[in-house]
Amino acid sequence: MRTFNYLIILSIIFFSFDRQRATNNEIENTFSKNQISDLIKIVDFFRSEMCNSRTSFSECMESSIRDLGEYGIQPILKNINFDNQQLLYRQLESNIFGEIWSYCKTIYPQNDKTYKSICFNHKGLYNQYLNKVGQSNPIIKAYHQDLINAGDFTGIVRIENEIYHRTGRINLEDPNIQLILAIEYLSENDSEKRREPWLDK
């Protein structure tokens, strides 16, 4: 019986190791080393702005999801400083910004003015990356399809619901999930706060 239990434990360890290795491969097989270095900067920035003194990304996000459910996007807008976010953009050393985002023209009917906004770049490596992650996670696959259909970062209600209800299908310790959450919420913060006039060339 002890041998049988030992084998079960050993199998779980190897399964966890292989799952984590696959997670890393999804990032490493899509992006260059310089791009990955910048992706780490993006996640670290998001964590520092949103989590304050909280020790765990998962604890921070579980708490934040409850606040987002009650107050909408306001916790994101309150916690993430847009000036700091723009400084983050300038500190990115690779071309990763253009692999995630593109600029698009947005017209505000209330003042009939045209502004420059960031949008999801369908042609970028981040789109390919989401496709790879979605192959092993149906929630991310559905989220990715929503992005494609909308053409923009329009919120991640599917993922938020999974986290809130603790279904076990979203692992907040997974680097993929941390990256996807960081990029989504930073995109929403940018979209709400950027008021840069669109200049036709």
Protein backbone atom coordinates (compact mmCIF):
# COMPACT_ATOMS: atom_id res chain seq x y z
CA MET A 1 0.00 0.00 0.00
CA ARG A 2 2.85 2.38 0.87
CA THR A 3 4.47 1.66 -2.51
CA PHE A 4 1.18 2.35 -4.30
CA ASN A 5 0.73 5.67 -2.46
CA TYR A 6 4.33 6.60 -3.22
CA LEU A 7 3.77 5.99 -6.92
CA ILE A 8 0.65 8.15 -6.89
CA ILE A 9 2.53 11.02 -5.23
CA LEU A 10 5.43 10.63 -7.65
CA SER A 11 3.02 10.70 -10.62
CA ILE A 12 1.42 13.90 -9.33
CA ILE A 13 4.85 15.55 -8.98
CA PHE A 14 5.85 14.65 -12.53
CA PHE A 15 2.44 15.74 -13.86
CA SER A 16 2.82 19.14 -12.16
CA PHE A 17 6.35 19.50 -13.49
CA ASP A 18 5.29 18.67 -17.05
CA ARG A 19 2.34 21.07 -16.83
CA GLN A 20 4.58 23.91 -15.63
CA ARG A 21 7.15 23.11 -18.33
CA ALA A 22 4.39 23.22 -20.97
CA THR A 23 3.27 26.59 -19.59
CA ASN A 24 6.78 27.98 -19.94
CA ASN A 25 7.08 26.53 -23.43
CA GLU A 26 3.99 28.40 -24.60
CA ILE A 27 5.75 31.64 -23.77
CA GLU A 28 9.23 30.59 -24.84
CA ASN A 29 8.07 29.10 -28.14
CA THR A 30 6.30 32.32 -29.12
CA PHE A 31 8.49 35.17 -27.94
CA SER A 32 12.20 36.00 -28.08
CA LYS A 33 14.30 36.34 -24.93
CA ASN A 34 14.19 40.13 -25.16
CA GLN A 35 10.43 40.09 -25.61
CA ILE A 36 10.02 37.74 -22.63
CA SER A 37 12.12 40.11 -20.53
CA ASP A 38 9.70 42.91 -21.43
CA LEU A 39 6.67 40.71 -20.72
CA ILE A 40 8.08 40.15 -17.24
CA LYS A 41 8.31 43.92 -16.83
CA ILE A 42 4.65 44.24 -17.83
CA VAL A 43 3.48 41.64 -15.30
CA ASP A 44 5.70 43.06 -12.55
CA PHE A 45 4.38 46.56 -13.19
CA PHE A 46 0.77 45.39 -13.05
CA ARG A 47 1.46 43.50 -9.82
CA SER A 48 3.16 46.50 -8.19
CA GLU A 49 0.29 48.85 -9.12
CA MET A 50 -2.59 46.52 -8.23
CA CYS A 51 -1.30 44.43 -5.36
CA ASN A 52 0.47 46.96 -3.17
CA SER A 53 1.77 45.08 -0.12
CA ARG A 54 -0.12 41.85 -0.82
CA THR A 55 2.28 38.95 -0.97
CA SER A 56 0.64 36.66 -3.51
CA PHE A 57 -0.56 37.37 -7.04
CA SER A 58 -3.40 34.88 -6.57
CA GLU A 59 -4.56 36.42 -3.28
CA CYS A 60 -4.34 39.87 -4.79
CA MET A 61 -6.40 38.95 -7.85
CA GLU A 62 -9.02 36.99 -5.90
CA SER A 63 -9.59 40.11 -3.80
CA SER A 64 -9.50 42.40 -6.85
CA ILE A 65 -12.03 40.26 -8.73
CA ARG A 66 -14.52 40.72 -5.90
CA ASP A 67 -14.00 44.50 -6.07
CA LEU A 68 -14.31 44.48 -9.87
CA GLY A 69 -17.57 42.54 -9.60
CA GLU A 70 -18.96 45.16 -7.24
CA TYR A 71 -17.53 48.38 -8.65
CA GLY A 72 -16.79 47.56 -12.30
CA ILE A 73 -13.52 48.85 -13.75
CA GLN A 74 -13.08 51.50 -11.02
CA PRO A 75 -10.51 49.49 -8.96
CA ILE A 76 -8.30 49.29 -12.08
CA LEU A 77 -8.60 53.00 -12.77
CA LYS A 78 -7.95 53.85 -9.14
CA ASN A 79 -4.86 51.69 -8.66
CA ILE A 80 -3.00 51.88 -11.98
CA ASN A 81 -1.33 55.22 -12.56
CA PHE A 82 -1.41 56.02 -16.27
CA ASP A 83 1.71 58.20 -16.16
CA ASN A 84 3.59 55.24 -14.68
CA GLN A 85 2.08 53.00 -17.33
CA GLN A 86 3.34 55.26 -20.11
CA LEU A 87 6.76 55.21 -18.48
CA LEU A 88 6.58 51.40 -18.58
CA TYR A 89 5.96 51.57 -22.33
CA ARG A 90 9.07 53.66 -22.80
CA GLN A 91 11.13 51.19 -20.78
CA LEU A 92 10.26 48.24 -23.03
CA GLU A 93 13.42 47.41 -24.94
CA SER A 94 12.02 45.05 -27.59
CA ASN A 95 9.20 45.43 -30.12
CA ILE A 96 6.74 43.69 -27.79
CA PHE A 97 4.38 46.69 -27.61
CA GLY A 98 3.60 46.34 -31.32
CA GLU A 99 3.21 42.57 -30.99
CA ILE A 100 0.40 43.10 -28.47
CA TRP A 101 -1.20 46.41 -29.38
CA SER A 102 -1.85 48.60 -32.38
CA TYR A 103 -3.25 52.12 -32.56
CA CYS A 104 -6.72 52.81 -33.85
CA LYS A 105 -8.92 55.83 -34.39
CA THR A 106 -11.72 56.40 -31.87
CA ILE A 107 -14.44 59.00 -32.32
CA TYR A 108 -16.20 60.32 -29.21
CA PRO A 109 -19.74 61.35 -30.23
CA GLN A 110 -20.22 63.56 -27.16
CA ASN A 111 -17.65 66.06 -28.43
CA ASP A 112 -17.18 64.80 -32.00
CA LYS A 113 -13.43 64.55 -31.46
CA THR A 114 -11.13 61.83 -32.77
CA TYR A 115 -8.61 60.23 -30.45
CA LYS A 116 -5.79 57.71 -30.66
CA SER A 117 -6.55 54.48 -28.80
CA ILE A 118 -4.75 51.19 -28.34
CA CYS A 119 -6.37 48.10 -29.80
CA PHE A 120 -5.70 44.38 -29.98
CA ASN A 121 -3.22 43.64 -32.76
CA HIS A 122 -4.63 40.68 -34.72
CA LYS A 123 -1.35 40.34 -36.63
CA GLY A 124 0.94 40.32 -33.61
CA LEU A 125 2.69 37.49 -31.79
CA TYR A 126 0.40 37.95 -28.79
CA ASN A 127 -2.51 36.80 -30.93
CA GLN A 128 -0.56 33.65 -31.84
CA TYR A 129 0.33 33.15 -28.20
CA LEU A 130 -3.32 33.30 -27.07
CA ASN A 131 -4.17 30.73 -29.71
CA LYS A 132 -1.54 28.36 -28.28
CA VAL A 133 -2.70 28.83 -24.69
CA GLY A 134 -6.31 28.35 -25.76
CA GLN A 135 -5.51 24.92 -27.17
CA SER A 136 -5.17 23.56 -23.64
CA ASN A 137 -7.54 25.93 -21.82
CA PRO A 138 -11.14 26.35 -23.11
CA ILE A 139 -11.67 29.49 -21.02
CA ILE A 140 -8.72 31.24 -22.67
CA LYS A 141 -9.87 29.93 -26.05
CA ALA A 142 -13.27 31.58 -25.54
CA TYR A 143 -11.63 34.78 -24.28
CA HIS A 144 -9.37 34.84 -27.34
CA GLN A 145 -12.37 34.44 -29.63
CA ASP A 146 -14.10 37.34 -27.88
CA LEU A 147 -11.02 39.49 -28.56
CA ILE A 148 -11.04 38.56 -32.24
CA ASN A 149 -14.77 39.20 -32.59
CA ALA A 150 -14.66 42.57 -30.82
CA GLY A 151 -11.33 43.67 -32.24
CA ASP A 152 -10.52 45.24 -28.91
CA PHE A 153 -9.89 44.56 -25.23
CA THR A 154 -13.47 44.62 -24.01
CA GLY A 155 -13.20 42.91 -20.64
CA ILE A 156 -12.64 39.43 -19.35
CA VAL A 157 -15.91 38.52 -17.70
CA ARG A 158 -15.43 34.84 -18.56
CA ILE A 159 -12.10 34.64 -16.74
CA GLU A 160 -13.30 36.80 -13.85
CA ASN A 161 -16.29 34.51 -13.29
CA GLU A 162 -14.02 31.47 -13.22
CA ILE A 163 -11.80 33.13 -10.60
CA TYR A 164 -14.70 34.41 -8.53
CA HIS A 165 -16.46 31.05 -8.40
CA ARG A 166 -13.17 29.15 -7.94
CA THR A 167 -13.99 26.55 -10.56
CA GLY A 168 -10.36 25.42 -10.70
CA ARG A 169 -10.10 26.03 -14.44
CA ILE A 170 -8.06 29.23 -13.99
CA ASN A 171 -4.79 28.86 -12.08
CA LEU A 172 -3.60 32.25 -10.85
CA GLU A 173 -0.11 30.84 -10.28
CA ASP A 174 0.16 30.05 -14.01
CA PRO A 175 2.46 32.59 -15.75
CA ASN A 176 0.13 32.52 -18.77
CA ILE A 177 -2.85 33.63 -16.70
CA GLN A 178 -0.84 36.33 -14.95
CA LEU A 179 0.34 37.70 -18.29
CA ILE A 180 -3.13 37.64 -19.84
CA LEU A 181 -4.69 39.40 -16.84
CA ALA A 182 -1.95 42.03 -16.77
CA ILE A 183 -2.28 42.85 -20.47
CA GLU A 184 -6.09 42.92 -20.38
CA TYR A 185 -6.34 45.24 -17.38
CA LEU A 186 -3.52 47.52 -18.56
CA SER A 187 -5.28 47.76 -21.92
CA GLU A 188 -8.55 48.72 -20.26
CA ASN A 189 -6.78 51.32 -18.13
CA ASP A 190 -5.10 52.79 -21.22
CA SER A 191 -8.36 52.88 -23.17
CA GLU A 192 -10.15 54.73 -20.38
CA LYS A 193 -7.44 57.29 -19.67
CA ARG A 194 -5.68 58.00 -22.98
CA ARG A 195 -6.87 61.27 -24.53
CA GLU A 196 -4.36 61.70 -27.31
CA PRO A 197 -5.70 63.40 -30.45
CA TRP A 198 -5.58 61.33 -33.63
CA LEU A 199 -3.35 63.03 -36.17
CA ASP A 200 -3.90 62.05 -39.81
CA LYS A 201 -0.63 61.66 -41.63
